[in-house]
Protein backbone atom coordinates (compact mmCIF):
# COMPACT_ATOMS: atom_id res chain seq x y z
CA MET A 1 8.78 -42.83 42.85
CA GLU A 2 11.14 -42.78 45.82
CA TRP A 3 10.18 -44.95 48.79
CA THR A 4 11.69 -44.69 52.27
CA ARG A 5 9.52 -47.21 54.13
CA LEU A 6 8.76 -49.63 51.28
CA ARG A 7 10.63 -51.72 48.75
CA VAL A 8 8.69 -52.24 45.52
CA GLU A 9 9.73 -54.78 42.90
CA GLU A 10 8.03 -55.99 39.72
CA ASN A 11 8.61 -59.18 37.77
CA SER A 12 6.42 -60.47 34.92
CA GLY A 13 3.42 -58.46 36.07
CA ILE A 14 3.73 -59.52 39.72
CA VAL A 15 4.38 -56.57 42.05
CA THR A 16 5.93 -57.21 45.46
CA VAL A 17 5.42 -54.51 48.09
CA GLU A 18 7.67 -54.98 51.11
CA LEU A 19 7.22 -53.11 54.38
CA HIS A 20 10.83 -52.11 54.94
CA ARG A 21 11.60 -50.98 58.45
CA PRO A 22 13.26 -54.12 59.78
CA ASP A 23 15.03 -52.38 62.67
CA LYS A 24 11.58 -51.44 64.03
CA LEU A 25 9.94 -54.78 63.13
CA ASN A 26 8.22 -52.86 60.31
CA ALA A 27 6.21 -50.80 62.78
CA LEU A 28 3.80 -48.37 61.13
CA ASP A 29 4.69 -44.70 61.33
CA ILE A 30 3.01 -41.87 59.42
CA THR A 31 5.47 -42.16 56.51
CA MET A 32 4.70 -45.83 56.03
CA PHE A 33 0.97 -45.13 56.14
CA GLU A 34 1.36 -42.46 53.46
CA GLU A 35 3.53 -44.64 51.23
CA LEU A 36 1.19 -47.63 51.49
CA ASP A 37 -1.69 -45.36 50.51
CA LYS A 38 0.25 -44.03 47.52
CA ILE A 39 1.43 -47.38 46.19
CA SER A 40 -1.96 -49.06 46.50
CA SER A 41 -3.68 -46.10 44.80
CA ALA A 42 -1.10 -46.14 41.99
CA LEU A 43 -1.42 -49.89 41.42
CA LYS A 44 -5.20 -49.63 41.20
CA LYS A 45 -4.84 -47.48 38.06
CA ARG A 46 -2.57 -49.91 36.25
CA ARG A 47 -4.02 -52.41 33.80
CA ASP A 48 -0.83 -54.34 33.08
CA ILE A 49 -0.21 -56.03 36.45
CA ARG A 50 -1.50 -59.49 37.33
CA ALA A 51 -1.06 -59.74 41.12
CA VAL A 52 0.38 -58.05 44.20
CA ILE A 53 2.32 -59.67 47.04
CA LEU A 54 2.59 -57.93 50.44
CA LYS A 55 5.43 -58.90 52.75
CA GLY A 56 7.62 -57.57 55.53
CA ALA A 57 11.39 -57.24 55.72
CA GLY A 58 13.62 -59.02 58.22
CA GLY A 59 11.41 -62.03 58.94
CA ASN A 60 8.43 -60.08 60.35
CA PHE A 61 5.37 -58.67 58.65
CA SER A 62 4.68 -55.82 61.09
CA SER A 63 4.58 -55.33 64.85
CA GLY A 64 1.77 -52.80 64.40
CA LEU A 65 1.48 -49.11 65.08
CA ASP A 66 4.62 -47.24 66.08
CA ILE A 67 3.04 -45.88 69.25
CA LYS A 68 6.09 -43.82 70.24
CA SER A 69 6.30 -41.90 66.96
CA MET A 70 2.57 -41.25 66.95
CA ALA A 71 2.47 -40.15 70.58
CA THR A 72 5.25 -37.61 70.05
CA ALA A 73 3.63 -36.12 66.93
CA LYS A 74 -0.04 -35.34 67.50
CA SER A 75 -0.33 -34.04 63.92
CA SER A 76 0.40 -37.58 62.67
CA MET A 77 -2.60 -38.96 64.53
CA LEU A 78 -4.77 -36.26 63.05
CA LYS A 79 -3.56 -37.17 59.55
CA LEU A 80 -4.50 -40.79 60.17
CA LEU A 81 -8.02 -40.11 61.40
CA ALA A 82 -9.10 -37.07 59.36
CA LYS A 83 -11.91 -37.55 56.82
CA TRP A 84 -14.46 -35.35 55.06
CA LEU A 85 -17.47 -37.56 55.80
CA PRO A 86 -17.94 -40.29 58.44
CA GLY A 87 -18.56 -42.94 55.77
CA ASN A 88 -15.39 -42.12 53.85
CA ALA A 89 -12.11 -43.94 54.50
CA ASN A 90 -9.36 -42.04 56.26
CA LEU A 91 -5.64 -42.69 55.80
CA ALA A 92 -5.55 -45.39 58.49
CA GLN A 93 -8.42 -47.25 56.82
CA ARG A 94 -7.20 -46.87 53.24
CA VAL A 95 -3.99 -48.84 53.84
CA SER A 96 -6.19 -51.91 54.42
CA ARG A 97 -9.26 -51.23 52.30
CA ASN A 98 -7.32 -50.12 49.21
CA TRP A 99 -6.06 -53.66 48.59
CA ARG A 100 -9.63 -54.90 48.36
CA ALA A 101 -10.30 -52.34 45.64
CA LEU A 102 -7.46 -53.51 43.39
CA PRO A 103 -8.79 -55.53 40.43
CA VAL A 104 -6.02 -58.13 40.88
CA PRO A 105 -5.41 -60.71 43.60
CA VAL A 106 -3.43 -59.47 46.61
CA ILE A 107 -1.54 -62.04 48.66
CA ALA A 108 -0.11 -61.29 52.10
CA VAL A 109 2.99 -63.25 53.12
CA LEU A 110 2.97 -63.34 56.91
CA GLU A 111 6.05 -64.35 58.86
CA GLY A 112 7.17 -63.57 62.40
CA ARG A 113 5.00 -60.95 64.04
CA CYS A 114 1.79 -59.67 62.52
CA PHE A 115 0.21 -57.54 65.22
CA GLY A 116 -2.39 -54.77 65.42
CA GLY A 117 -2.21 -52.49 62.40
CA GLY A 118 -0.04 -55.04 60.61
CA LEU A 119 -2.85 -57.59 60.78
CA GLN A 120 -5.37 -54.95 59.72
CA ILE A 121 -3.31 -54.38 56.55
CA ALA A 122 -3.03 -58.12 55.93
CA LEU A 123 -6.79 -58.47 56.28
CA GLY A 124 -7.14 -56.18 53.28
CA ALA A 125 -5.43 -58.83 51.15
CA ASP A 126 -7.40 -61.55 49.39
CA PHE A 127 -5.16 -64.36 50.66
CA ARG A 128 -2.91 -64.78 53.68
CA TYR A 129 -0.12 -67.38 53.67
CA VAL A 130 1.50 -68.01 57.04
CA THR A 131 4.03 -70.31 58.66
CA ALA A 132 3.17 -72.44 61.66
CA GLU A 133 5.30 -70.10 63.79
CA THR A 134 3.75 -66.83 62.60
CA GLU A 135 2.23 -64.84 65.47
CA LEU A 136 -0.97 -62.88 64.81
CA SER A 137 -2.96 -60.60 67.07
CA ILE A 138 -5.67 -57.96 66.89
CA MET A 139 -3.81 -56.13 69.63
CA GLU A 140 -5.46 -52.69 69.81
CA VAL A 141 -7.43 -53.46 72.97
CA ARG A 142 -4.14 -53.77 74.90
CA TRP A 143 -3.59 -50.06 74.27
CA GLY A 144 -7.16 -49.18 75.21
CA LEU A 145 -8.12 -48.74 71.56
CA VAL A 146 -10.55 -50.21 69.05
CA PRO A 147 -9.34 -51.55 65.67
CA ASP A 148 -10.05 -48.70 63.26
CA MET A 149 -8.20 -49.61 60.06
CA ALA A 150 -11.10 -51.25 58.17
CA GLY A 151 -9.83 -54.77 58.85
CA LEU A 152 -13.31 -55.72 60.04
CA LEU A 153 -14.47 -55.54 56.40
CA SER A 154 -12.55 -58.75 55.75
CA LEU A 155 -12.60 -60.18 59.27
CA ARG A 156 -16.40 -60.47 59.21
CA GLU A 157 -16.13 -62.48 55.99
CA VAL A 158 -13.56 -65.03 57.16
CA VAL A 159 -14.49 -65.79 60.78
CA GLY A 160 -17.68 -65.97 62.84
CA ARG A 161 -18.90 -62.98 64.79
CA ASP A 162 -18.09 -64.61 68.12
CA VAL A 163 -14.55 -65.42 67.01
CA ALA A 164 -14.03 -61.88 65.72
CA MET A 165 -15.15 -60.40 69.05
CA GLN A 166 -13.09 -62.87 71.05
CA LEU A 167 -9.90 -62.05 69.15
CA THR A 168 -10.62 -58.32 69.31
CA MET A 169 -11.63 -58.20 72.98
CA THR A 170 -8.71 -60.27 74.27
CA GLY A 171 -5.84 -59.17 72.03
CA GLU A 172 -4.77 -62.81 72.17
CA ILE A 173 -1.67 -63.83 70.19
CA ILE A 174 -2.38 -66.88 68.05
CA SER A 175 -0.10 -69.04 65.93
CA GLY A 176 -0.29 -69.54 62.20
CA GLU A 177 -1.83 -72.97 62.79
CA GLN A 178 -4.53 -71.47 65.01
CA ALA A 179 -5.19 -68.69 62.50
CA HIS A 180 -5.70 -71.25 59.75
CA ALA A 181 -8.06 -73.30 61.90
CA LEU A 182 -10.14 -70.18 62.57
CA GLY A 183 -10.22 -69.17 58.89
CA LEU A 184 -7.98 -66.15 59.38
CA ALA A 185 -5.20 -67.62 57.23
CA THR A 186 -5.56 -69.18 53.80
CA ALA A 187 -2.79 -71.74 54.21
CA VAL A 188 0.05 -72.76 56.53
CA VAL A 189 3.23 -73.43 54.54
CA ASP A 190 6.96 -73.69 55.16
CA ASP A 191 7.79 -70.99 52.60
CA PRO A 192 4.87 -68.56 52.20
CA MET A 193 6.74 -66.34 49.73
CA ALA A 194 7.43 -69.23 47.36
CA CYS A 195 3.81 -70.32 47.72
CA ALA A 196 2.59 -66.79 46.91
CA VAL A 197 4.79 -66.55 43.81
CA ALA A 198 3.63 -69.97 42.58
CA PHE A 199 -0.01 -68.95 43.04
CA CYS A 200 0.55 -65.69 41.15
CA GLN A 201 2.20 -67.54 38.27
CA LYS A 202 -0.71 -69.96 38.12
CA ILE A 203 -3.41 -67.30 37.92
CA SER A 204 -1.34 -65.41 35.35
CA GLN A 205 -2.30 -68.19 32.94
CA ALA A 206 -5.95 -67.09 33.19
CA SER A 207 -7.67 -64.12 31.57
CA PRO A 208 -6.96 -60.94 33.60
CA ASP A 209 -10.52 -59.83 32.89
CA ALA A 210 -11.95 -63.03 34.36
CA ILE A 211 -9.72 -62.79 37.46
CA ALA A 212 -10.76 -59.15 38.00
CA ALA A 213 -14.44 -60.01 37.54
CA ILE A 214 -14.21 -62.90 40.03
CA LYS A 215 -12.65 -60.68 42.70
CA HIS A 216 -15.10 -57.82 42.05
CA SER A 217 -18.19 -60.04 42.07
CA THR A 218 -17.12 -62.06 45.12
CA ASN A 219 -16.29 -59.01 47.25
CA LYS A 220 -19.43 -57.12 46.27
CA SER A 221 -21.79 -60.07 46.59
CA TRP A 222 -20.41 -61.94 49.60
CA LEU A 223 -22.67 -60.15 52.06
CA GLY A 224 -25.03 -58.62 49.49
CA SER A 225 -28.59 -59.47 48.54
CA GLU A 226 -29.51 -62.37 46.26
CA ARG A 227 -30.91 -60.02 43.62
CA MET A 228 -27.73 -57.96 43.47
CA LEU A 229 -25.63 -61.12 43.27
CA LEU A 230 -27.63 -62.42 40.32
CA ALA A 231 -27.50 -59.07 38.55
CA ARG A 232 -23.76 -58.67 39.12
CA GLU A 233 -22.98 -62.17 37.81
CA THR A 234 -24.90 -61.55 34.59
CA LEU A 235 -23.36 -58.11 34.02
CA SER A 236 -19.87 -59.48 34.58
CA GLN A 237 -20.45 -62.34 32.16
CA VAL A 238 -21.74 -60.04 29.42
CA ARG A 239 -18.69 -57.79 29.80
CA LEU A 240 -16.37 -60.79 29.59
CA LEU A 241 -18.08 -62.21 26.52
CA LEU A 242 -17.62 -58.89 24.71
CA GLY A 243 -13.93 -58.61 25.57
CA LYS A 244 -10.98 -59.79 23.50
CA ASN A 245 -9.46 -61.79 26.35
CA PHE A 246 -12.45 -64.15 26.28
CA PHE A 247 -11.50 -65.25 22.76
CA ILE A 248 -7.82 -65.47 23.74
CA ALA A 249 -8.73 -67.69 26.72
CA GLY A 250 -10.71 -69.98 24.43
CA LYS A 251 -7.82 -70.29 22.01
CA ARG A 252 -5.38 -71.09 24.84
CA GLN A 253 -7.73 -73.71 26.27
CA ARG A 254 -8.19 -75.45 22.90
CA LYS A 255 -4.42 -75.68 22.46
CA GLN A 256 -3.96 -77.09 25.95
CA LEU A 257 -6.66 -79.73 25.38
CA LYS A 258 -4.74 -80.82 22.29
CA GLY A 259 -1.59 -81.17 24.36
CA GLU A 260 0.05 -78.16 22.72
CA THR A 261 1.84 -75.28 24.45
CA ALA A 262 -0.19 -72.12 24.89
CA SER A 263 2.61 -69.87 26.15
CA ASP A 264 2.84 -68.17 22.76
CA ILE A 265 -0.66 -66.72 23.17
CA ASP A 266 -0.62 -63.62 25.35
CA TYR A 267 -3.58 -61.90 26.96
CA GLN A 268 -4.22 -58.24 26.36
CA GLN A 269 -4.26 -55.73 29.21
CA ARG A 270 -7.16 -55.94 31.61
CA GLN A 271 -10.31 -54.13 30.51
CA SER A 272 -10.68 -50.68 32.04
CA PHE A 273 -14.10 -51.26 33.61
CA TRP A 274 -12.61 -53.59 36.21
C-alpha cells in the first residue's frame, strides 16, 4: 500500500508506523487521519506481528490538528466527525481507539511536541516512552474545542479524574518528567526508540497468545465489574491451555531453566480469537 503521510517498516514482527510530515511538525490533516485508520485496521487483521511502535518524523511526534487545512476544507471536518450511530467511533476517534483494539502491544515513542490530536493518538497506545524534554498538552481548549478523539478512554485509566480535567481545562504544556509523575507516560528515557525496540524484543520471547490475552483481559476488565473480570480470566486461560503456543512456551521455559538456548523453538502465529 502506498503511504503519503506515513512511513511503515517491519522487522522481525515489529511494525514501526511513523507519522511523516516533518515540515509541518507531523500535524494531522485529513490524509493522515485516513492513513492512520487504514494501517491500524490492516494490522489488526494480521496474526504474524508481535508489536507496533508509533513515532513521529523529524524529532516531534505531532503538533496536533492541522487547523488551517481543516478550516479551508469543510468536507474534511465532516469526514472526521461523521458516524452512523452516536456510540460508534468516527474517523477522528478511530485513529486513537484502533490501537487499543490491536491484539499486540502498541508503544508510542514521544519526542519533541506531542500536542492535541497527537497526544490523543498516543493515548491509544499501551505504553508511552518520553524524554525529559518532550512537551505534551491536551490543547483543544485553546481553540475553543473539547477533545473528541477517544483519548479519554485511556486518560481515565492512567490519571485521576481531577488531573484529567485540569490538563483538559487548562491546555497546559507539561514536560516528559511531569507526564511521568502524573502517570501519563510509562517511562522517561534518553532514547525512547531504543527503549521501545528493546521492550518489543523482550516480549517477543513470550507466547503471542498470552500477550494478546493479557492486553485483551486488562483493557476489558480495568474498569469492568468483578464478575466479568473473573469470567474473562477463566475464559482466557482455557483458550490458552488449548492452544499450541502454551506447549511451546513450556518447552522454551524448560530449556531456559536448564541453561540451554531456546531460540531454536519458534512460536506459531497468534490464535485467531484474539
